[in-house]
């Protein structure tokens, strides 16, 4: 039997979790104060995912950058590829919260969306 320690990130409590495993089978989770902690531990050890937040350039806008995030979580192993895919992306103003900036970012099936409005500059 093997024990793995995790810190739950599902809520501000940050519970210290201890996961008991045999091979890649999870036998139990201890240390969580809510059911979300157990679900987090199981998912983190079987299929870890993350929401990616970043910024992309804006052309013709009142701001030079717009904050963006993945619409849902993506596989943890694709995070760096996702961020690298944003290097040459530029959104054209106006940009509205929820606008899709990149479809299917890094082949994840998940869209990257704006999380803030950026108005177009009036000339």
PDB file of N, CA and C in Angstrom:
ATOM      1  N   UNK A   1       0.829  -1.184   0.000  1.00  0.00           N
ATOM      2  CA  UNK A   1       0.000   0.000   0.000  1.00  0.00           C
ATOM      3  C   UNK A   1       0.873   1.247   0.000  1.00  0.00           C
ATOM      4  N   UNK A   2       0.373   2.255  -0.693  1.00  0.00           N
ATOM      5  CA  UNK A   2       1.097   3.517  -0.799  1.00  0.00           C
ATOM      6  C   UNK A   2       0.166   4.639  -0.350  1.00  0.00           C
ATOM      7  N   UNK A   3       0.737   5.670   0.260  1.00  0.00           N
ATOM      8  CA  UNK A   3      -0.049   6.840   0.673  1.00  0.00           C
ATOM      9  C   UNK A   3       0.480   8.058  -0.061  1.00  0.00           C
ATOM     10  N   UNK A   4      -0.449   8.860  -0.587  1.00  0.00           N
ATOM     11  CA  UNK A   4      -0.092  10.108  -1.259  1.00  0.00           C
ATOM     12  C   UNK A   4      -0.769  11.243  -0.527  1.00  0.00           C
ATOM     13  N   UNK A   5      -0.050  12.344  -0.383  1.00  0.00           N
ATOM     14  CA  UNK A   5      -0.591  13.518   0.289  1.00  0.00           C
ATOM     15  C   UNK A   5      -0.882  14.614  -0.732  1.00  0.00           C
ATOM     16  N   UNK A   6      -2.047  15.225  -0.590  1.00  0.00           N
ATOM     17  CA  UNK A   6      -2.473  16.314  -1.460  1.00  0.00           C
ATOM     18  C   UNK A   6      -3.049  17.426  -0.607  1.00  0.00           C
ATOM     19  N   UNK A   7      -3.067  18.624  -1.150  1.00  0.00           N
ATOM     20  CA  UNK A   7      -3.802  19.727  -0.541  1.00  0.00           C
ATOM     21  C   UNK A   7      -4.985  20.000  -1.450  1.00  0.00           C
ATOM     22  N   UNK A   8      -6.173  19.918  -0.897  1.00  0.00           N
ATOM     23  CA  UNK A   8      -7.387  20.136  -1.680  1.00  0.00           C
ATOM     24  C   UNK A   8      -7.484  21.615  -2.063  1.00  0.00           C
ATOM     25  N   UNK A   9      -7.834  21.882  -3.327  1.00  0.00           N
ATOM     26  CA  UNK A   9      -7.969  23.261  -3.809  1.00  0.00           C
ATOM     27  C   UNK A   9      -9.409  23.595  -4.196  1.00  0.00           C
ATOM     28  N   UNK A  10     -10.364  22.789  -3.746  1.00  0.00           N
ATOM     29  CA  UNK A  10     -11.762  23.031  -4.114  1.00  0.00           C
ATOM     30  C   UNK A  10     -12.424  24.129  -3.307  1.00  0.00           C
ATOM     31  N   UNK A  11     -11.900  24.480  -2.165  1.00  0.00           N
ATOM     32  CA  UNK A  11     -12.472  25.563  -1.367  1.00  0.00           C
ATOM     33  C   UNK A  11     -11.348  26.202  -0.558  1.00  0.00           C
ATOM     34  N   UNK A  12     -11.618  27.297   0.125  1.00  0.00           N
ATOM     35  CA  UNK A  12     -10.556  27.997   0.868  1.00  0.00           C
ATOM     36  C   UNK A  12      -9.977  27.235   2.061  1.00  0.00           C
ATOM     37  N   UNK A  13     -10.588  26.144   2.494  1.00  0.00           N
ATOM     38  CA  UNK A  13     -10.067  25.425   3.656  1.00  0.00           C
ATOM     39  C   UNK A  13      -8.701  24.780   3.404  1.00  0.00           C
ATOM     40  N   UNK A  14      -8.454  24.321   2.182  1.00  0.00           N
ATOM     41  CA  UNK A  14      -7.159  23.719   1.856  1.00  0.00           C
ATOM     42  C   UNK A  14      -6.845  22.496   2.694  1.00  0.00           C
ATOM     43  N   UNK A  15      -7.790  21.572   2.771  1.00  0.00           N
ATOM     44  CA  UNK A  15      -7.614  20.367   3.595  1.00  0.00           C
ATOM     45  C   UNK A  15      -6.403  19.549   3.142  1.00  0.00           C
ATOM     46  N   UNK A  16      -5.694  19.002   4.110  1.00  0.00           N
ATOM     47  CA  UNK A  16      -4.586  18.093   3.839  1.00  0.00           C
ATOM     48  C   UNK A  16      -5.179  16.705   3.655  1.00  0.00           C
ATOM     49  N   UNK A  17      -5.107  16.179   2.461  1.00  0.00           N
ATOM     50  CA  UNK A  17      -5.693  14.886   2.131  1.00  0.00           C
ATOM     51  C   UNK A  17      -4.627  13.806   2.112  1.00  0.00           C
ATOM     52  N   UNK A  18      -4.994  12.640   2.590  1.00  0.00           N
ATOM     53  CA  UNK A  18      -4.140  11.462   2.494  1.00  0.00           C
ATOM     54  C   UNK A  18      -4.909  10.419   1.705  1.00  0.00           C
ATOM     55  N   UNK A  19      -4.323  10.009   0.590  1.00  0.00           N
ATOM     56  CA  UNK A  19      -4.963   9.029  -0.290  1.00  0.00           C
ATOM     57  C   UNK A  19      -4.211   7.716  -0.159  1.00  0.00           C
ATOM     58  N   UNK A  20      -4.942   6.670   0.164  1.00  0.00           N
ATOM     59  CA  UNK A  20      -4.357   5.337   0.264  1.00  0.00           C
ATOM     60  C   UNK A  20      -4.601   4.625  -1.063  1.00  0.00           C
ATOM     61  N   UNK A  21      -3.509   4.094  -1.629  1.00  0.00           N
ATOM     62  CA  UNK A  21      -3.585   3.460  -2.948  1.00  0.00           C
ATOM     63  C   UNK A  21      -2.905   2.103  -2.932  1.00  0.00           C
ATOM     64  N   UNK A  22      -3.371   1.264  -3.816  1.00  0.00           N
ATOM     65  CA  UNK A  22      -2.690   0.008  -4.098  1.00  0.00           C
ATOM     66  C   UNK A  22      -2.563  -0.054  -5.611  1.00  0.00           C
ATOM     67  N   UNK A  23      -1.324   0.109  -6.090  1.00  0.00           N
ATOM     68  CA  UNK A  23      -1.128   0.263  -7.527  1.00  0.00           C
ATOM     69  C   UNK A  23      -1.753   1.576  -7.952  1.00  0.00           C
ATOM     70  N   UNK A  24      -2.620   1.534  -8.965  1.00  0.00           N
ATOM     71  CA  UNK A  24      -3.314   2.766  -9.346  1.00  0.00           C
ATOM     72  C   UNK A  24      -4.775   2.753  -8.892  1.00  0.00           C
ATOM     73  N   UNK A  25      -5.089   1.856  -7.962  1.00  0.00           N
ATOM     74  CA  UNK A  25      -6.435   1.780  -7.382  1.00  0.00           C
ATOM     75  C   UNK A  25      -6.481   2.600  -6.096  1.00  0.00           C
ATOM     76  N   UNK A  26      -7.451   3.512  -6.004  1.00  0.00           N
ATOM     77  CA  UNK A  26      -7.629   4.317  -4.799  1.00  0.00           C
ATOM     78  C   UNK A  26      -8.492   3.546  -3.814  1.00  0.00           C
ATOM     79  N   UNK A  27      -7.926   3.291  -2.638  1.00  0.00           N
ATOM     80  CA  UNK A  27      -8.640   2.547  -1.603  1.00  0.00           C
ATOM     81  C   UNK A  27      -9.406   3.458  -0.663  1.00  0.00           C
ATOM     82  N   UNK A  28      -8.903   4.673  -0.451  1.00  0.00           N
ATOM     83  CA  UNK A  28      -9.589   5.590   0.449  1.00  0.00           C
ATOM     84  C   UNK A  28      -8.960   6.957   0.482  1.00  0.00           C
ATOM     85  N   UNK A  29      -9.757   7.928   0.924  1.00  0.00           N
ATOM     86  CA  UNK A  29      -9.300   9.311   1.058  1.00  0.00           C
ATOM     87  C   UNK A  29      -9.632   9.765   2.474  1.00  0.00           C
ATOM     88  N   UNK A  30      -8.665  10.353   3.152  1.00  0.00           N
ATOM     89  CA  UNK A  30      -8.871  10.856   4.516  1.00  0.00           C
ATOM     90  C   UNK A  30      -8.407  12.299   4.596  1.00  0.00           C
ATOM     91  N   UNK A  31      -8.947  13.030   5.574  1.00  0.00           N
ATOM     92  CA  UNK A  31      -8.525  14.398   5.825  1.00  0.00           C
ATOM     93  C   UNK A  31      -9.447  15.451   5.248  1.00  0.00           C
ATOM     94  N   UNK A  32     -10.384  15.051   4.409  1.00  0.00           N
ATOM     95  CA  UNK A  32     -11.298  16.024   3.813  1.00  0.00           C
ATOM     96  C   UNK A  32     -12.422  16.362   4.793  1.00  0.00           C
ATOM     97  N   UNK A  33     -12.839  17.639   4.774  1.00  0.00           N
ATOM     98  CA  UNK A  33     -13.944  18.045   5.644  1.00  0.00           C
ATOM     99  C   UNK A  33     -15.272  18.084   4.890  1.00  0.00           C
ATOM    100  N   UNK A  34     -15.225  17.892   3.574  1.00  0.00           N
ATOM    101  CA  UNK A  34     -16.459  17.838   2.780  1.00  0.00           C
ATOM    102  C   UNK A  34     -16.300  16.806   1.668  1.00  0.00           C
ATOM    103  N   UNK A  35     -17.407  16.470   1.031  1.00  0.00           N
ATOM    104  CA  UNK A  35     -17.377  15.466  -0.041  1.00  0.00           C
ATOM    105  C   UNK A  35     -16.557  15.923  -1.242  1.00  0.00           C
ATOM    106  N   UNK A  36     -16.478  17.241  -1.443  1.00  0.00           N
ATOM    107  CA  UNK A  36     -15.718  17.755  -2.582  1.00  0.00           C
ATOM    108  C   UNK A  36     -14.241  17.379  -2.485  1.00  0.00           C
ATOM    109  N   UNK A  37     -13.724  17.280  -1.268  1.00  0.00           N
ATOM    110  CA  UNK A  37     -12.320  16.918  -1.080  1.00  0.00           C
ATOM    111  C   UNK A  37     -12.025  15.517  -1.571  1.00  0.00           C
ATOM    112  N   UNK A  38     -12.911  14.598  -1.274  1.00  0.00           N
ATOM    113  CA  UNK A  38     -12.720  13.223  -1.745  1.00  0.00           C
ATOM    114  C   UNK A  38     -12.796  13.163  -3.270  1.00  0.00           C
ATOM    115  N   UNK A  39     -13.782  13.847  -3.839  1.00  0.00           N
ATOM    116  CA  UNK A  39     -13.919  13.862  -5.304  1.00  0.00           C
ATOM    117  C   UNK A  39     -12.692  14.490  -5.958  1.00  0.00           C
ATOM    118  N   UNK A  40     -12.171  15.582  -5.366  1.00  0.00           N
ATOM    119  CA  UNK A  40     -10.975  16.232  -5.888  1.00  0.00           C
ATOM    120  C   UNK A  40      -9.794  15.272  -5.894  1.00  0.00           C
ATOM    121  N   UNK A  41      -9.569  14.587  -4.787  1.00  0.00           N
ATOM    122  CA  UNK A  41      -8.426  13.673  -4.676  1.00  0.00           C
ATOM    123  C   UNK A  41      -8.512  12.572  -5.721  1.00  0.00           C
ATOM    124  N   UNK A  42      -9.675  11.999  -5.875  1.00  0.00           N
ATOM    125  CA  UNK A  42      -9.846  10.924  -6.860  1.00  0.00           C
ATOM    126  C   UNK A  42      -9.577  11.427  -8.273  1.00  0.00           C
ATOM    127  N   UNK A  43     -10.112  12.596  -8.606  1.00  0.00           N
ATOM    128  CA  UNK A  43      -9.907  13.154  -9.947  1.00  0.00           C
ATOM    129  C   UNK A  43      -8.447  13.559 -10.154  1.00  0.00           C
ATOM    130  N   UNK A  44      -7.848  14.170  -9.146  1.00  0.00           N
ATOM    131  CA  UNK A  44      -6.460  14.646  -9.273  1.00  0.00           C
ATOM    132  C   UNK A  44      -5.486  13.500  -9.518  1.00  0.00           C
ATOM    133  N   UNK A  45      -5.744  12.347  -8.942  1.00  0.00           N
ATOM    134  CA  UNK A  45      -4.828  11.225  -9.119  1.00  0.00           C
ATOM    135  C   UNK A  45      -5.142  10.404 -10.369  1.00  0.00           C
ATOM    136  N   UNK A  46      -6.359  10.462 -10.861  1.00  0.00           N
ATOM    137  CA  UNK A  46      -6.732   9.678 -12.050  1.00  0.00           C
ATOM    138  C   UNK A  46      -6.681  10.497 -13.337  1.00  0.00           C
ATOM    139  N   UNK A  47      -7.166  11.736 -13.289  1.00  0.00           N
ATOM    140  CA  UNK A  47      -7.264  12.561 -14.483  1.00  0.00           C
ATOM    141  C   UNK A  47      -7.168  14.040 -14.090  1.00  0.00           C
ATOM    142  N   UNK A  48      -5.969  14.532 -13.757  1.00  0.00           N
ATOM    143  CA  UNK A  48      -5.837  15.920 -13.306  1.00  0.00           C
ATOM    144  C   UNK A  48      -6.140  16.915 -14.420  1.00  0.00           C
ATOM    145  N   UNK A  49      -6.906  17.940 -14.071  1.00  0.00           N
ATOM    146  CA  UNK A  49      -7.263  18.982 -15.033  1.00  0.00           C
ATOM    147  C   UNK A  49      -7.078  20.347 -14.390  1.00  0.00           C
ATOM    148  N   UNK A  50      -7.012  21.380 -15.232  1.00  0.00           N
ATOM    149  CA  UNK A  50      -6.851  22.749 -14.748  1.00  0.00           C
ATOM    150  C   UNK A  50      -7.625  23.708 -15.657  1.00  0.00           C
ATOM    151  N   UNK A  51      -8.053  24.832 -15.074  1.00  0.00           N
ATOM    152  CA  UNK A  51      -8.546  25.979 -15.839  1.00  0.00           C
ATOM    153  C   UNK A  51      -7.301  26.817 -16.124  1.00  0.00           C
ATOM    154  N   UNK A  52      -7.148  27.289 -17.348  1.00  0.00           N
ATOM    155  CA  UNK A  52      -6.003  28.121 -17.704  1.00  0.00           C
ATOM    156  C   UNK A  52      -6.471  29.568 -17.809  1.00  0.00           C
ATOM    157  N   UNK A  53      -5.763  30.466 -17.135  1.00  0.00           N
ATOM    158  CA  UNK A  53      -6.025  31.904 -17.263  1.00  0.00           C
ATOM    159  C   UNK A  53      -4.774  32.574 -17.801  1.00  0.00           C
ATOM    160  N   UNK A  54      -4.973  33.557 -18.660  1.00  0.00           N
ATOM    161  CA  UNK A  54      -3.846  34.253 -19.262  1.00  0.00           C
ATOM    162  C   UNK A  54      -4.346  35.577 -19.827  1.00  0.00           C
ATOM    163  N   UNK A  55      -3.553  36.169 -20.701  1.00  0.00           N
ATOM    164  CA  UNK A  55      -3.969  37.362 -21.433  1.00  0.00           C
ATOM    165  C   UNK A  55      -3.565  37.206 -22.888  1.00  0.00           C
ATOM    166  N   UNK A  56      -4.263  37.898 -23.775  1.00  0.00           N
ATOM    167  CA  UNK A  56      -3.871  37.964 -25.182  1.00  0.00           C
ATOM    168  C   UNK A  56      -3.895  39.426 -25.621  1.00  0.00           C
ATOM    169  N   UNK A  57      -3.143  39.715 -26.662  1.00  0.00           N
ATOM    170  CA  UNK A  57      -3.063  41.068 -27.204  1.00  0.00           C
ATOM    171  C   UNK A  57      -4.400  41.466 -27.817  1.00  0.00           C
ATOM    172  N   UNK A  58      -4.644  42.771 -27.821  1.00  0.00           N
ATOM    173  CA  UNK A  58      -5.826  43.331 -28.476  1.00  0.00           C
ATOM    174  C   UNK A  58      -5.345  44.378 -29.466  1.00  0.00           C
ATOM    175  N   UNK A  59      -5.866  44.320 -30.694  1.00  0.00           N
ATOM    176  CA  UNK A  59      -5.548  45.347 -31.688  1.00  0.00           C
ATOM    177  C   UNK A  59      -6.733  46.301 -31.797  1.00  0.00           C
ATOM    178  N   UNK A  60      -6.418  47.595 -31.846  1.00  0.00           N
ATOM    179  CA  UNK A  60      -7.455  48.610 -32.009  1.00  0.00           C
ATOM    180  C   UNK A  60      -8.339  48.807 -30.795  1.00  0.00           C
ATOM    181  N   UNK A  61      -7.828  48.459 -29.621  1.00  0.00           N
ATOM    182  CA  UNK A  61      -8.649  48.546 -28.416  1.00  0.00           C
ATOM    183  C   UNK A  61      -8.200  49.602 -27.437  1.00  0.00           C
ATOM    184  N   UNK A  62      -9.071  49.894 -26.478  1.00  0.00           N
ATOM    185  CA  UNK A  62      -8.763  50.849 -25.426  1.00  0.00           C
ATOM    186  C   UNK A  62      -7.745  50.275 -24.439  1.00  0.00           C
ATOM    187  N   UNK A  63      -7.549  48.981 -24.461  1.00  0.00           N
ATOM    188  CA  UNK A  63      -6.545  48.291 -23.655  1.00  0.00           C
ATOM    189  C   UNK A  63      -5.664  47.473 -24.598  1.00  0.00           C
ATOM    190  N   UNK A  64      -4.415  47.261 -24.202  1.00  0.00           N
ATOM    191  CA  UNK A  64      -3.489  46.491 -25.048  1.00  0.00           C
ATOM    192  C   UNK A  64      -3.677  44.990 -24.904  1.00  0.00           C
ATOM    193  N   UNK A  65      -4.252  44.552 -23.762  1.00  0.00           N
ATOM    194  CA  UNK A  65      -4.420  43.124 -23.478  1.00  0.00           C
ATOM    195  C   UNK A  65      -5.834  42.884 -22.958  1.00  0.00           C
ATOM    196  N   UNK A  66      -6.290  41.644 -23.125  1.00  0.00           N
ATOM    197  CA  UNK A  66      -7.567  41.233 -22.555  1.00  0.00           C
ATOM    198  C   UNK A  66      -7.334  39.932 -21.783  1.00  0.00           C
ATOM    199  N   UNK A  67      -7.879  39.830 -20.560  1.00  0.00           N
ATOM    200  CA  UNK A  67      -7.752  38.574 -19.830  1.00  0.00           C
ATOM    201  C   UNK A  67      -8.639  37.500 -20.454  1.00  0.00           C
ATOM    202  N   UNK A  68      -8.138  36.267 -20.455  1.00  0.00           N
ATOM    203  CA  UNK A  68      -8.855  35.137 -21.044  1.00  0.00           C
ATOM    204  C   UNK A  68      -8.747  33.927 -20.119  1.00  0.00           C
ATOM    205  N   UNK A  69      -9.639  32.965 -20.339  1.00  0.00           N
ATOM    206  CA  UNK A  69      -9.561  31.702 -19.602  1.00  0.00           C
ATOM    207  C   UNK A  69     -10.177  30.617 -20.459  1.00  0.00           C
ATOM    208  N   UNK A  70      -9.812  29.362 -20.141  1.00  0.00           N
ATOM    209  CA  UNK A  70     -10.454  28.252 -20.825  1.00  0.00           C
ATOM    210  C   UNK A  70     -11.880  28.151 -20.294  1.00  0.00           C
ATOM    211  N   UNK A  71     -12.802  27.821 -21.179  1.00  0.00           N
ATOM    212  CA  UNK A  71     -14.219  27.777 -20.812  1.00  0.00           C
ATOM    213  C   UNK A  71     -14.496  26.689 -19.781  1.00  0.00           C
ATOM    214  N   UNK A  72     -13.690  25.655 -19.794  1.00  0.00           N
ATOM    215  CA  UNK A  72     -13.763  24.606 -18.778  1.00  0.00           C
ATOM    216  C   UNK A  72     -12.352  24.086 -18.564  1.00  0.00           C
ATOM    217  N   UNK A  73     -12.212  23.123 -17.679  1.00  0.00           N
ATOM    218  CA  UNK A  73     -10.868  22.619 -17.388  1.00  0.00           C
ATOM    219  C   UNK A  73     -10.349  21.761 -18.536  1.00  0.00           C
ATOM    220  N   UNK A  74      -9.021  21.734 -18.648  1.00  0.00           N
ATOM    221  CA  UNK A  74      -8.345  20.946 -19.685  1.00  0.00           C
ATOM    222  C   UNK A  74      -7.376  19.999 -18.986  1.00  0.00           C
ATOM    223  N   UNK A  75      -6.930  18.948 -19.686  1.00  0.00           N
ATOM    224  CA  UNK A  75      -5.954  18.043 -19.069  1.00  0.00           C
ATOM    225  C   UNK A  75      -4.698  18.811 -18.618  1.00  0.00           C
ATOM    226  N   UNK A  76      -4.234  18.509 -17.435  1.00  0.00           N
ATOM    227  CA  UNK A  76      -3.072  19.189 -16.866  1.00  0.00           C
ATOM    228  C   UNK A  76      -1.862  19.131 -17.801  1.00  0.00           C
ATOM    229  N   UNK A  77      -1.689  18.040 -18.497  1.00  0.00           N
ATOM    230  CA  UNK A  77      -0.571  17.880 -19.419  1.00  0.00           C
ATOM    231  C   UNK A  77      -0.638  18.779 -20.643  1.00  0.00           C
ATOM    232  N   UNK A  78      -1.784  19.433 -20.881  1.00  0.00           N
ATOM    233  CA  UNK A  78      -1.951  20.323 -22.033  1.00  0.00           C
ATOM    234  C   UNK A  78      -1.812  21.799 -21.667  1.00  0.00           C
ATOM    235  N   UNK A  79      -1.590  22.109 -20.393  1.00  0.00           N
ATOM    236  CA  UNK A  79      -1.554  23.505 -19.954  1.00  0.00           C
ATOM    237  C   UNK A  79      -0.455  24.291 -20.663  1.00  0.00           C
ATOM    238  N   UNK A  80       0.767  23.786 -20.665  1.00  0.00           N
ATOM    239  CA  UNK A  80       1.872  24.501 -21.303  1.00  0.00           C
ATOM    240  C   UNK A  80       1.623  24.684 -22.793  1.00  0.00           C
ATOM    241  N   UNK A  81       1.122  23.664 -23.456  1.00  0.00           N
ATOM    242  CA  UNK A  81       0.802  23.759 -24.885  1.00  0.00           C
ATOM    243  C   UNK A  81      -0.262  24.831 -25.120  1.00  0.00           C
ATOM    244  N   UNK A  82      -1.230  24.902 -24.240  1.00  0.00           N
ATOM    245  CA  UNK A  82      -2.286  25.905 -24.334  1.00  0.00           C
ATOM    246  C   UNK A  82      -1.700  27.308 -24.222  1.00  0.00           C
ATOM    247  N   UNK A  83      -0.852  27.528 -23.234  1.00  0.00           N
ATOM    248  CA  UNK A  83      -0.257  28.845 -23.033  1.00  0.00           C
ATOM    249  C   UNK A  83       0.633  29.216 -24.219  1.00  0.00           C
ATOM    250  N   UNK A  84       1.391  28.274 -24.713  1.00  0.00           N
ATOM    251  CA  UNK A  84       2.248  28.542 -25.883  1.00  0.00           C
ATOM    252  C   UNK A  84       1.423  28.905 -27.114  1.00  0.00           C
ATOM    253  N   UNK A  85       0.238  28.329 -27.243  1.00  0.00           N
ATOM    254  CA  UNK A  85      -0.631  28.607 -28.384  1.00  0.00           C
ATOM    255  C   UNK A  85      -1.128  30.052 -28.389  1.00  0.00           C
ATOM    256  N   UNK A  86      -1.040  30.734 -27.254  1.00  0.00           N
ATOM    257  CA  UNK A  86      -1.539  32.106 -27.148  1.00  0.00           C
ATOM    258  C   UNK A  86      -0.505  33.153 -27.542  1.00  0.00           C
ATOM    259  N   UNK A  87       0.734  32.739 -27.732  1.00  0.00           N
ATOM    260  CA  UNK A  87       1.829  33.674 -27.979  1.00  0.00           C
ATOM    261  C   UNK A  87       1.547  34.638 -29.129  1.00  0.00           C
ATOM    262  N   UNK A  88       1.004  34.158 -30.214  1.00  0.00           N
ATOM    263  CA  UNK A  88       0.788  35.005 -31.389  1.00  0.00           C
ATOM    264  C   UNK A  88      -0.678  35.342 -31.632  1.00  0.00           C
ATOM    265  N   UNK A  89      -1.512  35.155 -30.629  1.00  0.00           N
ATOM    266  CA  UNK A  89      -2.932  35.453 -30.768  1.00  0.00           C
ATOM    267  C   UNK A  89      -3.169  36.929 -30.482  1.00  0.00           C
ATOM    268  N   UNK A  90      -3.983  37.557 -31.323  1.00  0.00           N
ATOM    269  CA  UNK A  90      -4.404  38.936 -31.099  1.00  0.00           C
ATOM    270  C   UNK A  90      -5.894  39.021 -31.391  1.00  0.00           C
ATOM    271  N   UNK A  91      -6.641  39.537 -30.443  1.00  0.00           N
ATOM    272  CA  UNK A  91      -8.079  39.734 -30.628  1.00  0.00           C
ATOM    273  C   UNK A  91      -8.301  41.135 -31.174  1.00  0.00           C
ATOM    274  N   UNK A  92      -9.277  41.275 -32.058  1.00  0.00           N
ATOM    275  CA  UNK A  92      -9.598  42.579 -32.626  1.00  0.00           C
ATOM    276  C   UNK A  92     -10.716  43.214 -31.803  1.00  0.00           C
ATOM    277  N   UNK A  93     -10.497  44.461 -31.384  1.00  0.00           N
ATOM    278  CA  UNK A  93     -11.504  45.178 -30.587  1.00  0.00           C
ATOM    279  C   UNK A  93     -12.695  45.544 -31.473  1.00  0.00           C
ATOM    280  N   UNK A  94     -13.883  45.598 -30.951  1.00  0.00           N
ATOM    281  CA  UNK A  94     -14.215  45.418 -29.551  1.00  0.00           C
ATOM    282  C   UNK A  94     -14.247  43.932 -29.157  1.00  0.00           C
ATOM    283  N   UNK A  95     -13.911  43.679 -27.918  1.00  0.00           N
ATOM    284  CA  UNK A  95     -13.960  42.331 -27.359  1.00  0.00           C
ATOM    285  C   UNK A  95     -14.961  42.373 -26.209  1.00  0.00           C
ATOM    286  N   UNK A  96     -15.845  41.384 -26.168  1.00  0.00           N
ATOM    287  CA  UNK A  96     -16.848  41.331 -25.104  1.00  0.00           C
ATOM    288  C   UNK A  96     -16.634  40.091 -24.251  1.00  0.00           C
ATOM    289  N   UNK A  97     -16.927  40.235 -22.967  1.00  0.00           N
ATOM    290  CA  UNK A  97     -16.802  39.108 -22.052  1.00  0.00           C
ATOM    291  C   UNK A  97     -17.574  37.916 -22.626  1.00  0.00           C
ATOM    292  N   UNK A  98     -16.903  36.764 -22.662  1.00  0.00           N
ATOM    293  CA  UNK A  98     -17.522  35.551 -23.189  1.00  0.00           C
ATOM    294  C   UNK A  98     -17.232  35.294 -24.657  1.00  0.00           C
ATOM    295  N   UNK A  99     -16.680  36.291 -25.362  1.00  0.00           N
ATOM    296  CA  UNK A  99     -16.305  36.076 -26.771  1.00  0.00           C
ATOM    297  C   UNK A  99     -15.271  34.962 -26.851  1.00  0.00           C
ATOM    298  N   UNK A 100     -15.424  34.076 -27.825  1.00  0.00           N
ATOM    299  CA  UNK A 100     -14.438  33.023 -28.053  1.00  0.00           C
ATOM    300  C   UNK A 100     -13.240  33.653 -28.755  1.00  0.00           C
ATOM    301  N   UNK A 101     -12.090  33.555 -28.128  1.00  0.00           N
ATOM    302  CA  UNK A 101     -10.851  34.109 -28.681  1.00  0.00           C
ATOM    303  C   UNK A 101     -10.108  33.043 -29.474  1.00  0.00           C
ATOM    304  N   UNK A 102     -10.068  31.815 -28.966  1.00  0.00           N
ATOM    305  CA  UNK A 102      -9.455  30.681 -29.668  1.00  0.00           C
ATOM    306  C   UNK A 102     -10.384  29.479 -29.494  1.00  0.00           C
ATOM    307  N   UNK A 103     -10.797  28.895 -30.621  1.00  0.00           N
ATOM    308  CA  UNK A 103     -11.599  27.678 -30.551  1.00  0.00           C
ATOM    309  C   UNK A 103     -10.681  26.479 -30.378  1.00  0.00           C
ATOM    310  N   UNK A 104     -11.132  25.505 -29.601  1.00  0.00           N
ATOM    311  CA  UNK A 104     -10.417  24.236 -29.455  1.00  0.00           C
ATOM    312  C   UNK A 104      -8.924  24.455 -29.167  1.00  0.00           C
ATOM    313  N   UNK A 105      -8.635  25.252 -28.166  1.00  0.00           N
ATOM    314  CA  UNK A 105      -7.251  25.620 -27.865  1.00  0.00           C
ATOM    315  C   UNK A 105      -6.406  24.367 -27.598  1.00  0.00           C
ATOM    316  N   UNK A 106      -5.274  24.297 -28.266  1.00  0.00           N
ATOM    317  CA  UNK A 106      -4.296  23.202 -28.124  1.00  0.00           C
ATOM    318  C   UNK A 106      -4.933  21.830 -28.350  1.00  0.00           C
ATOM    319  N   UNK A 107      -5.978  21.775 -29.165  1.00  0.00           N
ATOM    320  CA  UNK A 107      -6.614  20.495 -29.487  1.00  0.00           C
ATOM    321  C   UNK A 107      -7.333  19.850 -28.309  1.00  0.00           C
ATOM    322  N   UNK A 108      -7.740  20.659 -27.334  1.00  0.00           N
ATOM    323  CA  UNK A 108      -8.380  20.121 -26.136  1.00  0.00           C
ATOM    324  C   UNK A 108      -9.886  19.970 -26.269  1.00  0.00           C
ATOM    325  N   UNK A 109     -10.463  20.594 -27.313  1.00  0.00           N
ATOM    326  CA  UNK A 109     -11.914  20.605 -27.443  1.00  0.00           C
ATOM    327  C   UNK A 109     -12.550  21.706 -26.617  1.00  0.00           C
ATOM    328  N   UNK A 110     -11.735  22.527 -25.957  1.00  0.00           N
ATOM    329  CA  UNK A 110     -12.215  23.593 -25.081  1.00  0.00           C
ATOM    330  C   UNK A 110     -11.842  24.943 -25.694  1.00  0.00           C
ATOM    331  N   UNK A 111     -12.794  25.878 -25.675  1.00  0.00           N
ATOM    332  CA  UNK A 111     -12.550  27.213 -26.206  1.00  0.00           C
ATOM    333  C   UNK A 111     -11.925  28.113 -25.155  1.00  0.00           C
ATOM    334  N   UNK A 112     -11.162  29.099 -25.614  1.00  0.00           N
ATOM    335  CA  UNK A 112     -10.592  30.130 -24.764  1.00  0.00           C
ATOM    336  C   UNK A 112     -11.471  31.362 -24.924  1.00  0.00           C
ATOM    337  N   UNK A 113     -11.957  31.927 -23.829  1.00  0.00           N
ATOM    338  CA  UNK A 113     -12.896  33.048 -23.893  1.00  0.00           C
ATOM    339  C   UNK A 113     -12.369  34.270 -23.149  1.00  0.00           C
ATOM    340  N   UNK A 114     -12.832  35.442 -23.588  1.00  0.00           N
ATOM    341  CA  UNK A 114     -12.485  36.701 -22.924  1.00  0.00           C
ATOM    342  C   UNK A 114     -13.232  36.777 -21.603  1.00  0.00           C
ATOM    343  N   UNK A 115     -12.580  37.346 -20.599  1.00  0.00           N
ATOM    344  CA  UNK A 115     -13.231  37.478 -19.299  1.00  0.00           C
ATOM    345  C   UNK A 115     -13.499  38.950 -18.954  1.00  0.00           C
ATOM    346  N   UNK A 116     -13.333  39.808 -19.935  1.00  0.00           N
ATOM    347  CA  UNK A 116     -13.566  41.225 -19.723  1.00  0.00           C
ATOM    348  C   UNK A 116     -13.837  41.907 -21.061  1.00  0.00           C
ATOM    349  N   UNK A 117     -14.525  43.012 -21.037  1.00  0.00           N
ATOM    350  CA  UNK A 117     -14.757  43.803 -22.249  1.00  0.00           C
ATOM    351  C   UNK A 117     -13.568  44.704 -22.526  1.00  0.00           C
ATOM    352  N   UNK A 118     -13.256  44.879 -23.816  1.00  0.00           N
ATOM    353  CA  UNK A 118     -12.291  45.900 -24.251  1.00  0.00           C
ATOM    354  C   UNK A 118     -12.946  46.628 -25.418  1.00  0.00           C
ATOM    355  N   UNK A 119     -13.142  47.908 -25.241  1.00  0.00           N
ATOM    356  CA  UNK A 119     -13.797  48.709 -26.269  1.00  0.00           C
ATOM    357  C   UNK A 119     -12.828  49.046 -27.393  1.00  0.00           C
ATOM    358  N   UNK A 120     -13.385  49.302 -28.569  1.00  0.00           N
ATOM    359  CA  UNK A 120     -12.586  49.737 -29.699  1.00  0.00           C
ATOM    360  C   UNK A 120     -12.245  51.214 -29.521  1.00  0.00           C
ATOM    361  N   UNK A 121     -11.067  51.589 -29.978  1.00  0.00           N
ATOM    362  CA  UNK A 121     -10.648  52.990 -29.930  1.00  0.00           C
ATOM    363  C   UNK A 121     -11.301  53.714 -31.106  1.00  0.00           C
ATOM    364  N   UNK A 122     -11.934  54.816 -30.792  1.00  0.00           N
ATOM    365  CA  UNK A 122     -12.587  55.619 -31.853  1.00  0.00           C
ATOM    366  C   UNK A 122     -11.589  56.627 -32.380  1.00  0.00           C
ATOM    367  N   UNK A 123     -11.409  56.601 -33.689  1.00  0.00           N
ATOM    368  CA  UNK A 123     -10.417  57.504 -34.311  1.00  0.00           C
ATOM    369  C   UNK A 123     -11.105  58.714 -34.892  1.00  0.00           C
TER     370      UNK A 123
END
